[in-house]
Protein backbone atom coordinates (compact mmCIF):
# COMPACT_ATOMS: atom_id res chain seq x y z
CA UNK A 1 -133.09 -24.95 -80.12
CA UNK A 2 -132.84 -21.37 -78.88
CA UNK A 3 -132.24 -22.31 -75.26
CA UNK A 4 -129.61 -24.73 -76.47
CA UNK A 5 -127.88 -22.22 -78.63
CA UNK A 6 -127.99 -19.98 -75.55
CA UNK A 7 -126.67 -22.63 -73.05
CA UNK A 8 -123.68 -23.32 -75.83
CA UNK A 9 -122.95 -19.63 -75.85
CA UNK A 10 -122.92 -18.83 -72.11
CA UNK A 11 -120.86 -22.20 -71.59
CA UNK A 12 -118.28 -20.93 -74.20
CA UNK A 13 -117.96 -17.48 -72.73
CA UNK A 14 -117.66 -19.04 -69.32
CA UNK A 15 -114.76 -21.33 -70.51
CA UNK A 16 -113.05 -18.16 -72.10
CA UNK A 17 -113.23 -16.32 -68.86
CA UNK A 18 -111.64 -19.12 -66.88
CA UNK A 19 -108.91 -19.31 -69.13
CA UNK A 20 -108.30 -15.74 -69.14
CA UNK A 21 -108.01 -15.64 -65.44
CA UNK A 22 -104.42 -15.22 -64.18
CA UNK A 23 -102.53 -17.98 -63.05
CA UNK A 24 -102.77 -18.32 -59.36
CA UNK A 25 -99.42 -19.48 -59.17
CA UNK A 26 -96.64 -20.07 -61.77
CA UNK A 27 -92.94 -21.56 -62.01
CA UNK A 28 -90.72 -19.17 -59.82
CA UNK A 29 -93.16 -18.01 -57.38
CA UNK A 30 -92.95 -17.95 -53.88
CA UNK A 31 -96.13 -18.80 -51.82
CA UNK A 32 -96.13 -17.61 -48.10
CA UNK A 33 -99.02 -18.99 -45.87
CA UNK A 34 -100.11 -18.31 -42.18
CA UNK A 35 -102.33 -21.02 -40.88
CA UNK A 36 -103.84 -21.74 -37.54
CA UNK A 37 -103.66 -25.42 -37.03
CA UNK A 38 -105.08 -28.04 -35.07
CA UNK A 39 -102.31 -30.84 -34.04
CA UNK A 40 -104.35 -34.02 -33.19
CA UNK A 41 -102.02 -36.94 -32.13
CA UNK A 42 -103.29 -40.52 -32.98
CA UNK A 43 -101.29 -41.51 -30.30
CA UNK A 44 -100.28 -45.54 -29.34
CA UNK A 45 -97.97 -46.09 -26.73
CA UNK A 46 -96.02 -49.05 -24.89
CA UNK A 47 -96.48 -49.66 -21.27
CA UNK A 48 -94.26 -47.52 -18.99
CA UNK A 49 -91.60 -49.94 -18.18
CA UNK A 50 -90.40 -51.47 -15.92
CA UNK A 51 -92.66 -50.44 -12.92
CA UNK A 52 -95.82 -49.87 -14.81
CA UNK A 53 -96.71 -52.94 -16.86
CA UNK A 54 -100.22 -52.44 -18.73
CA UNK A 55 -100.20 -48.60 -18.14
CA UNK A 56 -99.66 -46.58 -21.35
CA UNK A 57 -100.19 -42.75 -21.84
CA UNK A 58 -102.48 -40.46 -23.82
CA UNK A 59 -101.19 -36.90 -25.81
CA UNK A 60 -103.64 -34.20 -26.01
CA UNK A 61 -104.45 -32.16 -29.20
CA UNK A 62 -102.86 -28.51 -29.55
CA UNK A 63 -103.90 -25.26 -31.58
CA UNK A 64 -101.04 -23.33 -32.59
CA UNK A 65 -100.08 -20.62 -35.67
CA UNK A 66 -98.12 -22.08 -38.57
CA UNK A 67 -95.96 -20.42 -41.26
CA UNK A 68 -95.02 -22.19 -44.47
CA UNK A 69 -92.98 -21.20 -47.88
CA UNK A 70 -93.85 -22.66 -50.98
CA UNK A 71 -91.43 -22.56 -53.98
CA UNK A 72 -93.07 -23.31 -57.31
CA UNK A 73 -90.55 -25.17 -59.36
CA UNK A 74 -92.92 -25.55 -62.12
CA UNK A 75 -96.44 -24.35 -62.66
CA UNK A 76 -97.43 -27.77 -60.89
CA UNK A 77 -94.80 -28.72 -58.85
CA UNK A 78 -94.00 -26.82 -55.47
CA UNK A 79 -91.81 -27.47 -52.41
CA UNK A 80 -93.17 -26.83 -49.49
CA UNK A 81 -91.43 -26.09 -45.91
CA UNK A 82 -93.46 -25.86 -42.53
CA UNK A 83 -92.27 -24.29 -39.49
CA UNK A 84 -94.61 -24.42 -36.13
CA UNK A 85 -93.97 -25.39 -32.71
CA UNK A 86 -96.79 -26.79 -30.41
CA UNK A 87 -97.03 -27.92 -26.86
CA UNK A 88 -98.28 -31.18 -25.52
CA UNK A 89 -98.99 -33.09 -22.49
CA UNK A 90 -98.80 -36.81 -21.77
CA UNK A 91 -101.04 -38.38 -19.21
CA UNK A 92 -101.60 -41.51 -17.73
CA UNK A 93 -104.61 -43.70 -18.73
CA UNK A 94 -104.71 -46.32 -16.23
CA UNK A 95 -103.82 -47.58 -12.96
CA UNK A 96 -101.33 -45.96 -10.85
CA UNK A 97 -100.03 -43.39 -13.73
CA UNK A 98 -103.98 -42.67 -14.32
CA UNK A 99 -104.51 -41.57 -11.13
CA UNK A 100 -101.77 -39.12 -11.44
CA UNK A 101 -103.19 -37.74 -14.80
CA UNK A 102 -100.71 -35.51 -16.20
CA UNK A 103 -97.10 -36.81 -15.95
CA UNK A 104 -95.16 -34.49 -18.53
CA UNK A 105 -95.22 -31.73 -20.88
CA UNK A 106 -93.18 -30.93 -24.05
CA UNK A 107 -92.63 -28.44 -26.80
CA UNK A 108 -92.62 -30.05 -30.18
CA UNK A 109 -90.91 -28.66 -33.34
CA UNK A 110 -91.63 -30.57 -36.53
CA UNK A 111 -90.07 -29.11 -39.43
CA UNK A 112 -91.46 -30.97 -42.49
CA UNK A 113 -90.37 -30.77 -46.39
CA UNK A 114 -93.12 -31.97 -48.93
CA UNK A 115 -93.07 -32.28 -52.65
CA UNK A 116 -96.37 -31.07 -54.05
CA UNK A 117 -98.40 -31.49 -57.39
CA UNK A 118 -100.64 -28.63 -57.98
CA UNK A 119 -103.43 -29.13 -59.88
CA UNK A 120 -105.29 -26.65 -62.39
CA UNK A 121 -102.70 -23.96 -62.31
CA UNK A 122 -104.86 -21.69 -64.38
CA UNK A 123 -107.84 -21.97 -61.89
CA UNK A 124 -109.01 -19.89 -59.31
CA UNK A 125 -109.52 -23.05 -57.24
CA UNK A 126 -106.26 -24.99 -56.93
CA UNK A 127 -105.89 -28.43 -55.18
CA UNK A 128 -102.57 -30.10 -54.34
CA UNK A 129 -101.15 -33.20 -52.73
CA UNK A 130 -97.78 -33.66 -51.65
CA UNK A 131 -95.56 -36.23 -49.72
CA UNK A 132 -92.13 -35.78 -48.09
CA UNK A 133 -90.08 -36.17 -44.76
CA UNK A 134 -90.20 -34.77 -41.21
CA UNK A 135 -87.53 -34.45 -38.38
CA UNK A 136 -89.28 -33.78 -34.99
CA UNK A 137 -87.43 -32.38 -32.12
CA UNK A 138 -88.63 -32.43 -28.47
CA UNK A 139 -87.44 -29.73 -26.29
CA UNK A 140 -88.26 -28.06 -22.83
CA UNK A 141 -89.57 -31.39 -21.32
CA UNK A 142 -90.97 -31.14 -17.90
CA UNK A 143 -92.40 -33.28 -15.47
CA UNK A 144 -95.90 -32.56 -14.18
CA UNK A 145 -96.42 -31.58 -10.49
CA UNK A 146 -98.31 -34.56 -9.61
CA UNK A 147 -95.43 -36.66 -10.77
CA UNK A 148 -92.93 -35.10 -8.97
CA UNK A 149 -95.24 -35.28 -5.90
CA UNK A 150 -95.58 -38.88 -6.22
CA UNK A 151 -91.82 -39.91 -7.37
CA UNK A 152 -89.78 -36.91 -6.25
CA UNK A 153 -87.61 -34.68 -8.69
CA UNK A 154 -87.89 -36.26 -12.29
CA UNK A 155 -85.67 -35.42 -15.26
CA UNK A 156 -87.85 -36.28 -18.66
CA UNK A 157 -85.91 -37.00 -21.85
CA UNK A 158 -87.75 -37.57 -25.26
CA UNK A 159 -86.02 -38.65 -28.10
CA UNK A 160 -86.27 -36.76 -31.46
CA UNK A 161 -87.71 -38.58 -34.76
CA UNK A 162 -87.28 -38.85 -38.23
CA UNK A 163 -90.24 -39.93 -40.45
CA UNK A 164 -92.72 -39.46 -43.50
CA UNK A 165 -95.55 -36.98 -43.99
CA UNK A 166 -98.28 -36.88 -46.62
CA UNK A 167 -100.59 -34.03 -47.15
CA UNK A 168 -103.61 -32.56 -49.49
CA UNK A 169 -104.96 -29.19 -49.55
CA UNK A 170 -106.39 -26.30 -51.67
CA UNK A 171 -105.83 -22.86 -52.59
CA UNK A 172 -108.67 -20.67 -53.48
CA UNK A 173 -107.73 -17.34 -55.06
CA UNK A 174 -109.09 -14.12 -53.34
CA UNK A 175 -107.17 -11.36 -55.21
CA UNK A 176 -104.15 -11.46 -57.99
CA UNK A 177 -102.05 -11.96 -54.93
CA UNK A 178 -103.92 -13.27 -51.76
CA UNK A 179 -105.51 -16.59 -51.66
CA UNK A 180 -107.04 -18.81 -48.91
CA UNK A 181 -105.68 -22.11 -48.04
CA UNK A 182 -107.05 -25.32 -46.47
CA UNK A 183 -104.38 -28.15 -45.53
CA UNK A 184 -104.55 -31.55 -44.17
CA UNK A 185 -101.23 -33.57 -43.20
CA UNK A 186 -100.49 -36.88 -41.66
CA UNK A 187 -97.26 -37.12 -40.08
CA UNK A 188 -95.12 -39.96 -38.95
CA UNK A 189 -93.55 -38.86 -35.68
CA UNK A 190 -92.41 -41.33 -32.86
CA UNK A 191 -90.49 -41.04 -29.85
CA UNK A 192 -89.36 -42.61 -26.47
CA UNK A 193 -90.07 -40.57 -23.30
CA UNK A 194 -87.63 -41.29 -20.33
CA UNK A 195 -88.23 -40.17 -16.88
CA UNK A 196 -85.36 -40.48 -14.40
CA UNK A 197 -87.33 -40.64 -11.01
CA UNK A 198 -85.81 -40.26 -7.39
CA UNK A 199 -88.12 -42.92 -5.75
CA UNK A 200 -89.11 -45.09 -8.95
CA UNK A 201 -85.86 -45.26 -10.76
CA UNK A 202 -85.89 -44.81 -14.74
CA UNK A 203 -89.04 -45.47 -16.77
CA UNK A 204 -89.58 -45.45 -20.29
CA UNK A 205 -92.59 -45.16 -22.57
CA UNK A 206 -92.83 -45.48 -26.44
CA UNK A 207 -95.01 -43.43 -28.01
CA UNK A 208 -96.24 -43.29 -31.72
CA UNK A 209 -98.00 -39.68 -31.96
CA UNK A 210 -98.53 -39.80 -35.74
CA UNK A 211 -100.72 -36.71 -35.84
CA UNK A 212 -103.40 -35.40 -38.30
CA UNK A 213 -102.78 -31.59 -38.77
CA UNK A 214 -105.56 -29.58 -40.02
CA UNK A 215 -104.93 -25.82 -41.15
CA UNK A 216 -106.91 -23.03 -42.16
CA UNK A 217 -105.11 -19.69 -43.34
CA UNK A 218 -104.22 -17.07 -45.65
CA UNK A 219 -101.25 -16.89 -48.49
CA UNK A 220 -99.71 -14.36 -50.32
CA UNK A 221 -97.98 -14.89 -53.84
CA UNK A 222 -94.59 -13.10 -54.43
């Protein structure tokens, strides 16, 4: 009986201590996070047409820093805007383009806005989920040396993309203002790459990138 009473007393004391802990984020707060991210495309491409039917492309992963800002509209609901840019390479996988390997590179800027629901606003560990929209801009596209060596000077263009995004993550309080953040996003990104070549004319390939973005970093509450 004494052990049970002692356990209940300790449990009650722990509950009081947790309820008295400062709110990690509340209505009106601005959360700024700096993350290291790994952008991992789940690519699916069409053939490179019209010259290379049956030959598709792969896209590499990319590590980069990311900055995001979240405004807490309520204790539970926040709106997050992320800003990051990553560089990726498209490579042939089979056949003629496969022997060339890397075909082109591009920088990708995918600003993404999500609406989030933050659980346990009074907890030191605060998970959240979110969903939103993304607009992806491709810039500084360049043909590889291998491609220009095979078909001559080549101009590469990649179309911008509008899609949806989903995320899940957790903020873990380290101090009254600083917290650790773990975050995972899935972003819907589609593009068409156009190669205007000297020797092979114009070739196009449709690529569904749809990357999984895994991030870890630190945040500060303002």
